[in-house]
Each structure stands twice: as C-alpha cells, then as structure tokens.
Amino acid sequence: MTKYKSHYACFNCRKTFKRRLLSDINGGYNKNEKESPAKCPECNSLMANMGLDFESPKKTDIARWKHLATLYKVGITFHSCGCSGPGYIPNDSNALLTYFEKIKSHYLEHQYFWSQRKNDPKTQSEIAKDQHKNATFLSSIPQKMKTGSKKTPEYDALSAQKYWNNKVKQIEEKIETVKAHITHKKG
C-alpha cells in the first residue's frame, strides 16, 4: 500500500516541500515515535502541513500565497484521503468571509433552537413528531448531551446551547481573522 506524503508550505519563502515519513526513515512504523515539527530548509521557520491535495501556486503569486496563509490560520487545509478531495475551499478572502458567515448563520439557528427548547416530549407520538421535525438539531449535538433510551430520549438543552454558543465564538474569531487579512490587503 502506498503511503502519500503531505505537502508542507513555508509562507515566508513561498515554497512547498514533501516531507519524508518517519516510517520511511526508520523502515517501519513505531507508535512511540513522534514527528518533529517540519522546518523550512531555507529559512528554518515552522512549515504548515497543508495536506495531500495541496497544490502550491507560483512563487510570484504573492496574493495567492497570502490567501493560503489566511486559510491555514483559520484551519482550512487540503487534508483528505486523496479520493474525493478536501471539500470546498474558498478561492479568495471575500468568498471565505461569505462561507464563514453562512456557517455562523447555521450555528445561530442551532443555538436559537436549543435556547427555545424547554422540555423534551413525553409521549411516543410527541417524540416521533419531535424527531421528524427537529432531526437536524437533535442529531447535531455531541452524544454526551443525549441521554435516556431510544424510546424516550432526553436532551440537555442548556449544554447544547453552550455548545453552539462556543461554536459561534469560534467562527466569529475566524471571521475576524479574515476581515483583518482583507483590511491589511487594502492598506
């Protein structure tokens, strides 16, 4: 089976490198060994692991390199198994901002749902209606916030609301990072 190497990017030098795998160096996998951080061979700064599906732009495409650095700062990389690709990756800062605003709107819907939920339904008929009508909301929280049985599920609405509040804060931080990049680019 082929083991593919991730692409590491140095945003300072605007270069990418594939790094040898520890298993290639040692002749096999050892779960006790840990990878050391990848450093750029030119400037010795830490490099970003951009994943298997990363394609680096030309060194002279400074705007694209800056956008890739912003993507990395907000946690978007090109990691996947290599079969279907990494999913949607916005190609500029404005598209990235729109993408994050859409995600924030989705998170706010979930947060609002859980803030309005007072009690779990009790009868089988009410439970069935609730699961049909609110399946998206009910299935989008961590398992530990769901208790009870399959017949009579119980949901921790307060914990779910806190969970979505935290998700909103995280996406707002990413939005601020992208806005700062856009402002810096204009100035």
N, C-alpha and C. Protein backbone atom coordinates (compact mmCIF):
# COMPACT_ATOMS: atom_id res chain seq x y z
N MET A 1 0.84 -1.18 0.00
CA MET A 1 0.00 0.00 0.00
C MET A 1 0.89 1.24 0.00
N THR A 2 0.56 2.20 -0.81
CA THR A 2 1.35 3.41 -0.94
C THR A 2 1.01 4.38 0.19
N LYS A 3 2.04 4.96 0.77
CA LYS A 3 1.85 6.00 1.77
C LYS A 3 2.23 7.32 1.12
N TYR A 4 1.26 8.21 1.09
CA TYR A 4 1.49 9.50 0.46
C TYR A 4 2.04 10.48 1.48
N LYS A 5 2.83 11.40 0.98
CA LYS A 5 3.44 12.40 1.85
C LYS A 5 2.67 13.71 1.77
N SER A 6 2.47 14.33 2.92
CA SER A 6 1.79 15.63 2.96
C SER A 6 2.70 16.70 2.38
N HIS A 7 2.06 17.75 1.92
CA HIS A 7 2.79 18.91 1.42
C HIS A 7 2.92 19.91 2.58
N TYR A 8 4.12 20.37 2.78
CA TYR A 8 4.38 21.39 3.81
C TYR A 8 4.71 22.69 3.09
N ALA A 9 4.13 23.77 3.60
CA ALA A 9 4.33 25.08 2.95
C ALA A 9 5.02 26.04 3.90
N CYS A 10 5.93 26.80 3.34
CA CYS A 10 6.56 27.91 4.04
C CYS A 10 6.02 29.17 3.40
N PHE A 11 5.20 29.91 4.15
CA PHE A 11 4.59 31.12 3.61
C PHE A 11 5.60 32.26 3.49
N ASN A 12 6.69 32.20 4.26
CA ASN A 12 7.74 33.23 4.17
C ASN A 12 8.51 33.10 2.86
N CYS A 13 8.94 31.88 2.56
CA CYS A 13 9.74 31.63 1.35
C CYS A 13 8.86 31.37 0.12
N ARG A 14 7.57 31.13 0.34
CA ARG A 14 6.63 30.79 -0.72
C ARG A 14 7.10 29.54 -1.48
N LYS A 15 7.38 28.49 -0.68
CA LYS A 15 7.81 27.22 -1.24
C LYS A 15 7.13 26.08 -0.52
N THR A 16 7.03 24.96 -1.21
CA THR A 16 6.48 23.75 -0.59
C THR A 16 7.46 22.60 -0.72
N PHE A 17 7.33 21.70 0.23
CA PHE A 17 8.17 20.51 0.25
C PHE A 17 7.33 19.34 0.72
N LYS A 18 7.68 18.16 0.24
CA LYS A 18 7.10 16.95 0.80
C LYS A 18 8.12 16.43 1.80
N ARG A 19 7.61 16.00 2.94
CA ARG A 19 8.50 15.55 4.00
C ARG A 19 8.51 14.03 4.05
N ARG A 20 9.68 13.48 4.23
CA ARG A 20 9.79 12.03 4.36
C ARG A 20 9.02 11.59 5.60
N LEU A 21 8.36 10.44 5.50
CA LEU A 21 7.63 9.89 6.62
C LEU A 21 8.58 9.19 7.57
N LEU A 22 8.26 9.22 8.85
CA LEU A 22 9.09 8.55 9.84
C LEU A 22 9.25 7.07 9.52
N SER A 23 8.18 6.47 8.99
CA SER A 23 8.25 5.05 8.64
C SER A 23 9.24 4.80 7.49
N ASP A 24 9.41 5.80 6.61
CA ASP A 24 10.39 5.67 5.53
C ASP A 24 11.81 5.71 6.09
N ILE A 25 12.00 6.56 7.06
CA ILE A 25 13.33 6.74 7.63
C ILE A 25 13.73 5.54 8.48
N ASN A 26 12.81 5.08 9.32
CA ASN A 26 13.12 4.01 10.27
C ASN A 26 12.82 2.61 9.75
N GLY A 27 12.28 2.51 8.57
CA GLY A 27 11.99 1.22 7.99
C GLY A 27 10.73 0.57 8.55
N GLY A 28 9.86 1.34 9.14
CA GLY A 28 8.61 0.80 9.68
C GLY A 28 7.96 1.78 10.63
N TYR A 29 6.77 1.46 11.07
CA TYR A 29 6.01 2.35 11.94
C TYR A 29 6.26 1.99 13.39
N ASN A 30 6.51 2.99 14.22
CA ASN A 30 6.67 2.80 15.66
C ASN A 30 5.76 3.82 16.34
N LYS A 31 4.74 3.33 17.06
CA LYS A 31 3.75 4.23 17.65
C LYS A 31 4.32 5.12 18.74
N ASN A 32 5.51 4.79 19.26
CA ASN A 32 6.11 5.60 20.32
C ASN A 32 6.88 6.80 19.78
N GLU A 33 7.20 6.77 18.50
CA GLU A 33 7.94 7.87 17.91
C GLU A 33 6.98 8.96 17.47
N LYS A 34 7.38 10.19 17.68
CA LYS A 34 6.54 11.32 17.28
C LYS A 34 7.29 12.15 16.25
N GLU A 35 6.51 12.65 15.30
CA GLU A 35 7.08 13.53 14.27
C GLU A 35 7.51 14.84 14.92
N SER A 36 8.67 15.31 14.54
CA SER A 36 9.08 16.64 14.99
C SER A 36 8.47 17.65 14.03
N PRO A 37 8.29 18.88 14.48
CA PRO A 37 7.71 19.90 13.59
C PRO A 37 8.58 20.07 12.34
N ALA A 38 7.93 20.28 11.22
CA ALA A 38 8.65 20.47 9.96
C ALA A 38 9.18 21.90 9.90
N LYS A 39 10.45 22.02 9.58
CA LYS A 39 11.06 23.34 9.44
C LYS A 39 11.50 23.55 8.01
N CYS A 40 11.37 24.77 7.57
CA CYS A 40 11.76 25.11 6.21
C CYS A 40 13.27 24.96 6.04
N PRO A 41 13.71 24.28 5.00
CA PRO A 41 15.14 24.12 4.77
C PRO A 41 15.85 25.42 4.42
N GLU A 42 15.07 26.43 3.99
CA GLU A 42 15.69 27.71 3.61
C GLU A 42 15.77 28.70 4.77
N CYS A 43 14.60 28.96 5.44
CA CYS A 43 14.59 30.00 6.48
C CYS A 43 14.49 29.44 7.89
N ASN A 44 14.33 28.12 8.03
CA ASN A 44 14.28 27.43 9.30
C ASN A 44 13.03 27.74 10.14
N SER A 45 12.01 28.38 9.55
CA SER A 45 10.77 28.63 10.29
C SER A 45 9.86 27.41 10.17
N LEU A 46 8.90 27.29 11.09
CA LEU A 46 7.98 26.15 11.03
C LEU A 46 7.13 26.22 9.77
N MET A 47 6.89 25.06 9.22
CA MET A 47 6.10 24.98 7.99
C MET A 47 4.70 24.48 8.32
N ALA A 48 3.76 24.82 7.47
CA ALA A 48 2.37 24.42 7.64
C ALA A 48 2.11 23.12 6.90
N ASN A 49 1.49 22.15 7.57
CA ASN A 49 1.10 20.89 6.94
C ASN A 49 -0.19 21.17 6.18
N MET A 50 -0.10 21.27 4.87
CA MET A 50 -1.25 21.65 4.05
C MET A 50 -2.01 20.44 3.51
N GLY A 51 -1.51 19.24 3.71
CA GLY A 51 -2.25 18.05 3.32
C GLY A 51 -1.81 17.46 1.99
N LEU A 52 -2.47 16.37 1.64
CA LEU A 52 -2.12 15.61 0.43
C LEU A 52 -2.56 16.30 -0.85
N ASP A 53 -3.66 17.03 -0.81
CA ASP A 53 -4.26 17.58 -2.02
C ASP A 53 -3.83 19.02 -2.32
N PHE A 54 -2.84 19.50 -1.61
CA PHE A 54 -2.38 20.88 -1.78
C PHE A 54 -1.59 21.05 -3.08
N GLU A 55 -1.92 22.08 -3.81
CA GLU A 55 -1.15 22.46 -4.99
C GLU A 55 -0.64 23.87 -4.77
N SER A 56 0.66 24.01 -4.76
CA SER A 56 1.23 25.33 -4.47
C SER A 56 1.16 26.24 -5.70
N PRO A 57 0.89 27.51 -5.45
CA PRO A 57 0.91 28.47 -6.55
C PRO A 57 2.35 28.81 -6.93
N LYS A 58 2.50 29.55 -7.98
CA LYS A 58 3.83 30.01 -8.36
C LYS A 58 4.38 30.92 -7.26
N LYS A 59 5.68 30.92 -7.12
CA LYS A 59 6.32 31.73 -6.08
C LYS A 59 5.99 33.22 -6.26
N THR A 60 5.76 33.64 -7.48
CA THR A 60 5.50 35.05 -7.76
C THR A 60 4.05 35.46 -7.49
N ASP A 61 3.16 34.50 -7.25
CA ASP A 61 1.74 34.79 -6.99
C ASP A 61 1.56 35.10 -5.50
N ILE A 62 2.00 36.28 -5.11
CA ILE A 62 2.02 36.68 -3.70
C ILE A 62 0.61 36.72 -3.11
N ALA A 63 -0.36 37.21 -3.87
CA ALA A 63 -1.74 37.30 -3.36
C ALA A 63 -2.26 35.91 -3.01
N ARG A 64 -2.00 34.94 -3.85
CA ARG A 64 -2.47 33.56 -3.60
C ARG A 64 -1.78 32.98 -2.36
N TRP A 65 -0.49 33.25 -2.21
CA TRP A 65 0.24 32.77 -1.04
C TRP A 65 -0.32 33.38 0.25
N LYS A 66 -0.66 34.66 0.19
CA LYS A 66 -1.24 35.32 1.37
C LYS A 66 -2.61 34.71 1.70
N HIS A 67 -3.38 34.42 0.67
CA HIS A 67 -4.69 33.79 0.89
C HIS A 67 -4.51 32.40 1.51
N LEU A 68 -3.55 31.64 1.03
CA LEU A 68 -3.29 30.31 1.59
C LEU A 68 -2.87 30.41 3.06
N ALA A 69 -2.08 31.43 3.39
CA ALA A 69 -1.67 31.64 4.78
C ALA A 69 -2.90 31.94 5.65
N THR A 70 -3.83 32.72 5.12
CA THR A 70 -5.06 33.02 5.85
C THR A 70 -5.89 31.75 6.02
N LEU A 71 -6.01 30.96 4.97
CA LEU A 71 -6.74 29.69 5.07
C LEU A 71 -6.15 28.84 6.19
N TYR A 72 -4.83 28.75 6.24
CA TYR A 72 -4.18 27.94 7.26
C TYR A 72 -4.46 28.49 8.66
N LYS A 73 -4.43 29.81 8.81
CA LYS A 73 -4.69 30.44 10.12
C LYS A 73 -6.08 30.11 10.64
N VAL A 74 -7.04 29.98 9.75
CA VAL A 74 -8.42 29.70 10.17
C VAL A 74 -8.75 28.20 10.12
N GLY A 75 -7.73 27.38 9.89
CA GLY A 75 -7.91 25.93 9.99
C GLY A 75 -8.36 25.21 8.74
N ILE A 76 -8.22 25.85 7.59
CA ILE A 76 -8.60 25.19 6.34
C ILE A 76 -7.34 24.72 5.63
N THR A 77 -7.25 23.40 5.47
CA THR A 77 -6.12 22.81 4.76
C THR A 77 -6.65 21.83 3.72
N PHE A 78 -5.76 21.14 3.08
CA PHE A 78 -6.11 20.27 1.96
C PHE A 78 -5.94 18.80 2.34
N HIS A 79 -6.39 18.45 3.53
CA HIS A 79 -6.29 17.08 4.02
C HIS A 79 -7.50 16.27 3.57
N SER A 80 -7.25 15.12 3.06
CA SER A 80 -8.28 14.14 2.72
C SER A 80 -7.56 12.83 2.47
N CYS A 81 -8.33 11.83 2.13
CA CYS A 81 -7.69 10.54 1.82
C CYS A 81 -7.12 10.56 0.40
N GLY A 82 -7.41 11.62 -0.34
CA GLY A 82 -6.93 11.72 -1.70
C GLY A 82 -7.96 11.27 -2.73
N CYS A 83 -9.05 10.67 -2.28
CA CYS A 83 -10.06 10.14 -3.20
C CYS A 83 -11.00 11.23 -3.71
N SER A 84 -11.59 11.95 -2.77
CA SER A 84 -12.62 12.91 -3.15
C SER A 84 -12.19 14.35 -2.92
N GLY A 85 -11.00 14.56 -2.47
CA GLY A 85 -10.51 15.91 -2.25
C GLY A 85 -10.95 16.46 -0.90
N PRO A 86 -10.46 17.64 -0.56
CA PRO A 86 -10.70 18.21 0.77
C PRO A 86 -12.04 18.91 0.93
N GLY A 87 -12.87 18.94 -0.09
CA GLY A 87 -14.13 19.66 0.01
C GLY A 87 -13.99 21.09 -0.50
N TYR A 88 -14.98 21.90 -0.19
CA TYR A 88 -14.99 23.27 -0.68
C TYR A 88 -13.92 24.10 0.02
N ILE A 89 -13.10 24.76 -0.77
CA ILE A 89 -12.11 25.69 -0.24
C ILE A 89 -12.26 27.00 -1.02
N PRO A 90 -12.69 28.06 -0.32
CA PRO A 90 -12.89 29.35 -0.98
C PRO A 90 -11.60 29.85 -1.64
N ASN A 91 -11.74 30.44 -2.83
CA ASN A 91 -10.56 30.83 -3.59
C ASN A 91 -10.09 32.26 -3.34
N ASP A 92 -10.82 33.04 -2.54
CA ASP A 92 -10.34 34.36 -2.15
C ASP A 92 -10.94 34.73 -0.80
N SER A 93 -10.46 35.82 -0.24
CA SER A 93 -10.87 36.22 1.11
C SER A 93 -12.35 36.57 1.20
N ASN A 94 -12.89 37.19 0.17
CA ASN A 94 -14.31 37.54 0.20
C ASN A 94 -15.18 36.29 0.17
N ALA A 95 -14.81 35.31 -0.63
CA ALA A 95 -15.55 34.05 -0.67
C ALA A 95 -15.41 33.31 0.67
N LEU A 96 -14.25 33.41 1.29
CA LEU A 96 -14.02 32.79 2.60
C LEU A 96 -14.90 33.46 3.65
N LEU A 97 -14.99 34.77 3.60
CA LEU A 97 -15.83 35.51 4.54
C LEU A 97 -17.30 35.12 4.37
N THR A 98 -17.76 35.04 3.13
CA THR A 98 -19.14 34.63 2.85
C THR A 98 -19.39 33.21 3.36
N TYR A 99 -18.44 32.33 3.15
CA TYR A 99 -18.54 30.95 3.61
C TYR A 99 -18.68 30.89 5.13
N PHE A 100 -17.84 31.63 5.84
CA PHE A 100 -17.90 31.64 7.31
C PHE A 100 -19.17 32.29 7.83
N GLU A 101 -19.65 33.32 7.16
CA GLU A 101 -20.90 33.97 7.57
C GLU A 101 -22.07 32.99 7.44
N LYS A 102 -22.04 32.18 6.39
CA LYS A 102 -23.09 31.16 6.19
C LYS A 102 -23.03 30.12 7.32
N ILE A 103 -21.84 29.70 7.67
CA ILE A 103 -21.66 28.74 8.76
C ILE A 103 -22.16 29.36 10.07
N LYS A 104 -21.81 30.62 10.31
CA LYS A 104 -22.25 31.30 11.53
C LYS A 104 -23.78 31.35 11.60
N SER A 105 -24.42 31.64 10.49
CA SER A 105 -25.88 31.68 10.44
C SER A 105 -26.46 30.31 10.82
N HIS A 106 -25.86 29.27 10.30
CA HIS A 106 -26.28 27.90 10.62
C HIS A 106 -26.12 27.63 12.12
N TYR A 107 -24.99 28.01 12.69
CA TYR A 107 -24.74 27.82 14.11
C TYR A 107 -25.74 28.60 14.96
N LEU A 108 -26.06 29.82 14.53
CA LEU A 108 -27.02 30.64 15.28
C LEU A 108 -28.41 30.01 15.27
N GLU A 109 -28.79 29.36 14.17
CA GLU A 109 -30.07 28.65 14.12
C GLU A 109 -30.12 27.54 15.17
N HIS A 110 -29.02 26.81 15.28
CA HIS A 110 -28.94 25.73 16.26
C HIS A 110 -28.98 26.30 17.68
N GLN A 111 -28.23 27.36 17.88
CA GLN A 111 -28.20 27.99 19.20
C GLN A 111 -29.61 28.46 19.59
N TYR A 112 -30.31 29.08 18.67
CA TYR A 112 -31.66 29.56 18.94
C TYR A 112 -32.61 28.40 19.25
N PHE A 113 -32.52 27.33 18.47
CA PHE A 113 -33.38 26.16 18.72
C PHE A 113 -33.22 25.68 20.16
N TRP A 114 -31.97 25.51 20.60
CA TRP A 114 -31.73 24.97 21.93
C TRP A 114 -32.09 25.97 23.02
N SER A 115 -32.01 27.27 22.73
CA SER A 115 -32.41 28.26 23.74
C SER A 115 -33.93 28.27 23.93
N GLN A 116 -34.67 27.86 22.89
CA GLN A 116 -36.13 27.84 22.96
C GLN A 116 -36.69 26.51 23.49
N ARG A 117 -35.88 25.51 23.51
CA ARG A 117 -36.36 24.18 23.93
C ARG A 117 -36.44 24.14 25.45
N LYS A 118 -37.64 23.98 25.94
CA LYS A 118 -37.86 23.97 27.40
C LYS A 118 -37.93 22.55 27.95
N ASN A 119 -38.71 21.69 27.31
CA ASN A 119 -38.90 20.32 27.79
C ASN A 119 -38.84 19.34 26.63
N ASP A 120 -38.41 18.13 26.96
CA ASP A 120 -38.44 17.06 25.97
C ASP A 120 -39.86 16.49 25.91
N PRO A 121 -40.30 16.05 24.74
CA PRO A 121 -41.63 15.44 24.65
C PRO A 121 -41.67 14.14 25.46
N LYS A 122 -42.88 13.80 25.92
CA LYS A 122 -43.03 12.63 26.80
C LYS A 122 -43.73 11.45 26.13
N THR A 123 -44.75 11.71 25.35
CA THR A 123 -45.49 10.60 24.73
C THR A 123 -44.79 10.15 23.45
N GLN A 124 -45.06 8.91 23.04
CA GLN A 124 -44.45 8.37 21.83
C GLN A 124 -44.82 9.19 20.60
N SER A 125 -46.03 9.66 20.56
CA SER A 125 -46.48 10.48 19.43
C SER A 125 -45.70 11.80 19.38
N GLU A 126 -45.55 12.46 20.53
CA GLU A 126 -44.80 13.72 20.59
C GLU A 126 -43.33 13.50 20.25
N ILE A 127 -42.78 12.40 20.74
CA ILE A 127 -41.37 12.08 20.47
C ILE A 127 -41.16 11.87 18.98
N ALA A 128 -42.05 11.13 18.34
CA ALA A 128 -41.96 10.87 16.90
C ALA A 128 -42.05 12.17 16.11
N LYS A 129 -42.98 13.04 16.47
CA LYS A 129 -43.12 14.34 15.80
C LYS A 129 -41.86 15.19 15.99
N ASP A 130 -41.35 15.19 17.23
CA ASP A 130 -40.15 15.96 17.55
C ASP A 130 -38.96 15.48 16.73
N GLN A 131 -38.78 14.17 16.66
CA GLN A 131 -37.65 13.61 15.92
C GLN A 131 -37.78 13.86 14.42
N HIS A 132 -38.99 13.86 13.92
CA HIS A 132 -39.20 14.14 12.49
C HIS A 132 -38.96 15.62 12.18
N LYS A 133 -39.54 16.48 12.98
CA LYS A 133 -39.47 17.92 12.74
C LYS A 133 -38.09 18.51 13.05
N ASN A 134 -37.43 18.00 14.09
CA ASN A 134 -36.19 18.61 14.58
C ASN A 134 -34.97 17.71 14.43
N ALA A 135 -35.01 16.78 13.51
CA ALA A 135 -33.93 15.80 13.36
C ALA A 135 -32.56 16.47 13.18
N THR A 136 -32.51 17.52 12.40
CA THR A 136 -31.23 18.21 12.15
C THR A 136 -30.64 18.74 13.46
N PHE A 137 -31.47 19.35 14.28
CA PHE A 137 -30.99 19.93 15.54
C PHE A 137 -30.65 18.84 16.55
N LEU A 138 -31.48 17.83 16.63
CA LEU A 138 -31.29 16.78 17.62
C LEU A 138 -30.06 15.91 17.33
N SER A 139 -29.73 15.77 16.07
CA SER A 139 -28.60 14.92 15.70
C SER A 139 -27.28 15.68 15.63
N SER A 140 -27.32 16.99 15.81
CA SER A 140 -26.11 17.80 15.63
C SER A 140 -25.44 18.22 16.92
N ILE A 141 -25.72 17.52 17.99
CA ILE A 141 -25.04 17.79 19.26
C ILE A 141 -24.23 16.56 19.66
N PRO A 142 -23.22 16.75 20.49
CA PRO A 142 -22.43 15.59 20.93
C PRO A 142 -23.28 14.55 21.66
N GLN A 143 -22.90 13.31 21.53
CA GLN A 143 -23.64 12.19 22.11
C GLN A 143 -23.82 12.33 23.61
N LYS A 144 -22.85 12.92 24.30
CA LYS A 144 -22.95 13.02 25.76
C LYS A 144 -24.09 13.94 26.21
N MET A 145 -24.64 14.72 25.29
CA MET A 145 -25.77 15.60 25.62
C MET A 145 -27.11 14.91 25.37
N LYS A 146 -27.04 13.65 24.96
CA LYS A 146 -28.24 12.85 24.70
C LYS A 146 -28.26 11.70 25.71
N THR A 147 -29.33 11.63 26.47
CA THR A 147 -29.45 10.55 27.44
C THR A 147 -30.80 9.88 27.24
N GLY A 148 -31.16 9.05 28.19
CA GLY A 148 -32.43 8.33 28.07
C GLY A 148 -32.26 7.13 27.16
N SER A 149 -33.38 6.64 26.66
CA SER A 149 -33.35 5.48 25.78
C SER A 149 -33.79 5.90 24.38
N LYS A 150 -33.76 4.94 23.48
CA LYS A 150 -34.19 5.24 22.11
C LYS A 150 -35.68 5.57 22.08
N LYS A 151 -36.43 4.91 22.94
CA LYS A 151 -37.87 5.17 23.00
C LYS A 151 -38.19 6.51 23.67
N THR A 152 -37.43 6.84 24.69
CA THR A 152 -37.66 8.10 25.41
C THR A 152 -36.35 8.88 25.55
N PRO A 153 -35.91 9.49 24.45
CA PRO A 153 -34.65 10.24 24.52
C PRO A 153 -34.80 11.52 25.34
N GLU A 154 -33.70 11.91 25.96
CA GLU A 154 -33.66 13.15 26.72
C GLU A 154 -32.45 13.94 26.22
N TYR A 155 -32.63 15.24 26.13
CA TYR A 155 -31.58 16.12 25.61
C TYR A 155 -31.26 17.18 26.64
N ASP A 156 -29.98 17.47 26.79
CA ASP A 156 -29.53 18.51 27.71
C ASP A 156 -29.48 19.83 26.93
N ALA A 157 -30.60 20.55 26.94
CA ALA A 157 -30.74 21.77 26.14
C ALA A 157 -29.75 22.86 26.56
N LEU A 158 -29.49 22.98 27.86
CA LEU A 158 -28.56 24.01 28.33
C LEU A 158 -27.14 23.73 27.83
N SER A 159 -26.71 22.48 27.93
CA SER A 159 -25.38 22.12 27.42
C SER A 159 -25.31 22.30 25.91
N ALA A 160 -26.39 21.95 25.22
CA ALA A 160 -26.44 22.11 23.76
C ALA A 160 -26.34 23.58 23.38
N GLN A 161 -27.02 24.42 24.13
CA GLN A 161 -26.96 25.86 23.87
C GLN A 161 -25.53 26.38 24.09
N LYS A 162 -24.88 25.94 25.14
CA LYS A 162 -23.49 26.34 25.41
C LYS A 162 -22.56 25.83 24.31
N TYR A 163 -22.82 24.60 23.86
CA TYR A 163 -22.03 24.02 22.78
C TYR A 163 -22.10 24.89 21.53
N TRP A 164 -23.33 25.28 21.14
CA TRP A 164 -23.48 26.10 19.93
C TRP A 164 -22.97 27.52 20.16
N ASN A 165 -23.06 28.02 21.37
CA ASN A 165 -22.51 29.34 21.68
C ASN A 165 -20.99 29.33 21.47
N ASN A 166 -20.35 28.25 21.90
CA ASN A 166 -18.92 28.11 21.70
C ASN A 166 -18.56 28.02 20.22
N LYS A 167 -19.37 27.29 19.45
CA LYS A 167 -19.14 27.18 18.00
C LYS A 167 -19.27 28.55 17.33
N VAL A 168 -20.25 29.36 17.79
CA VAL A 168 -20.42 30.71 17.24
C VAL A 168 -19.19 31.56 17.54
N LYS A 169 -18.69 31.48 18.77
CA LYS A 169 -17.48 32.24 19.14
C LYS A 169 -16.29 31.84 18.28
N GLN A 170 -16.13 30.55 18.05
CA GLN A 170 -15.01 30.06 17.24
C GLN A 170 -15.10 30.58 15.80
N ILE A 171 -16.29 30.55 15.23
CA ILE A 171 -16.43 31.02 13.84
C ILE A 171 -16.27 32.53 13.77
N GLU A 172 -16.70 33.25 14.81
CA GLU A 172 -16.51 34.70 14.84
C GLU A 172 -15.03 35.07 14.88
N GLU A 173 -14.24 34.28 15.59
CA GLU A 173 -12.79 34.50 15.63
C GLU A 173 -12.20 34.33 14.23
N LYS A 174 -12.66 33.32 13.52
CA LYS A 174 -12.18 33.08 12.15
C LYS A 174 -12.60 34.23 11.24
N ILE A 175 -13.82 34.72 11.41
CA ILE A 175 -14.31 35.84 10.60
C ILE A 175 -13.44 37.07 10.85
N GLU A 176 -13.10 37.33 12.10
CA GLU A 176 -12.24 38.47 12.42
C GLU A 176 -10.86 38.32 11.81
N THR A 177 -10.33 37.11 11.78
CA THR A 177 -9.02 36.86 11.16
C THR A 177 -9.08 37.19 9.66
N VAL A 178 -10.15 36.75 9.00
CA VAL A 178 -10.29 37.01 7.57
C VAL A 178 -10.49 38.50 7.32
N LYS A 179 -11.29 39.16 8.14
CA LYS A 179 -11.51 40.60 7.99
C LYS A 179 -10.21 41.37 8.17
N ALA A 180 -9.38 40.96 9.12
CA ALA A 180 -8.08 41.60 9.35
C ALA A 180 -7.20 41.41 8.10
N HIS A 181 -7.26 40.23 7.50
CA HIS A 181 -6.49 39.98 6.27
C HIS A 181 -6.96 40.87 5.14
N ILE A 182 -8.27 41.02 5.00
CA ILE A 182 -8.82 41.88 3.95
C ILE A 182 -8.42 43.33 4.16
N THR A 183 -8.50 43.79 5.42
CA THR A 183 -8.11 45.17 5.75
C THR A 183 -6.64 45.38 5.49
N HIS A 184 -5.80 44.41 5.89
CA HIS A 184 -4.37 44.51 5.68
C HIS A 184 -4.03 44.54 4.18
N LYS A 185 -4.78 43.77 3.40
CA LYS A 185 -4.55 43.71 1.96
C LYS A 185 -4.87 45.04 1.29
N LYS A 186 -5.92 45.73 1.79
CA LYS A 186 -6.31 47.01 1.21
C LYS A 186 -5.34 48.12 1.61
N GLY A 187 -4.79 48.02 2.82
CA GLY A 187 -3.94 49.09 3.35
C GLY A 187 -2.52 49.04 2.95
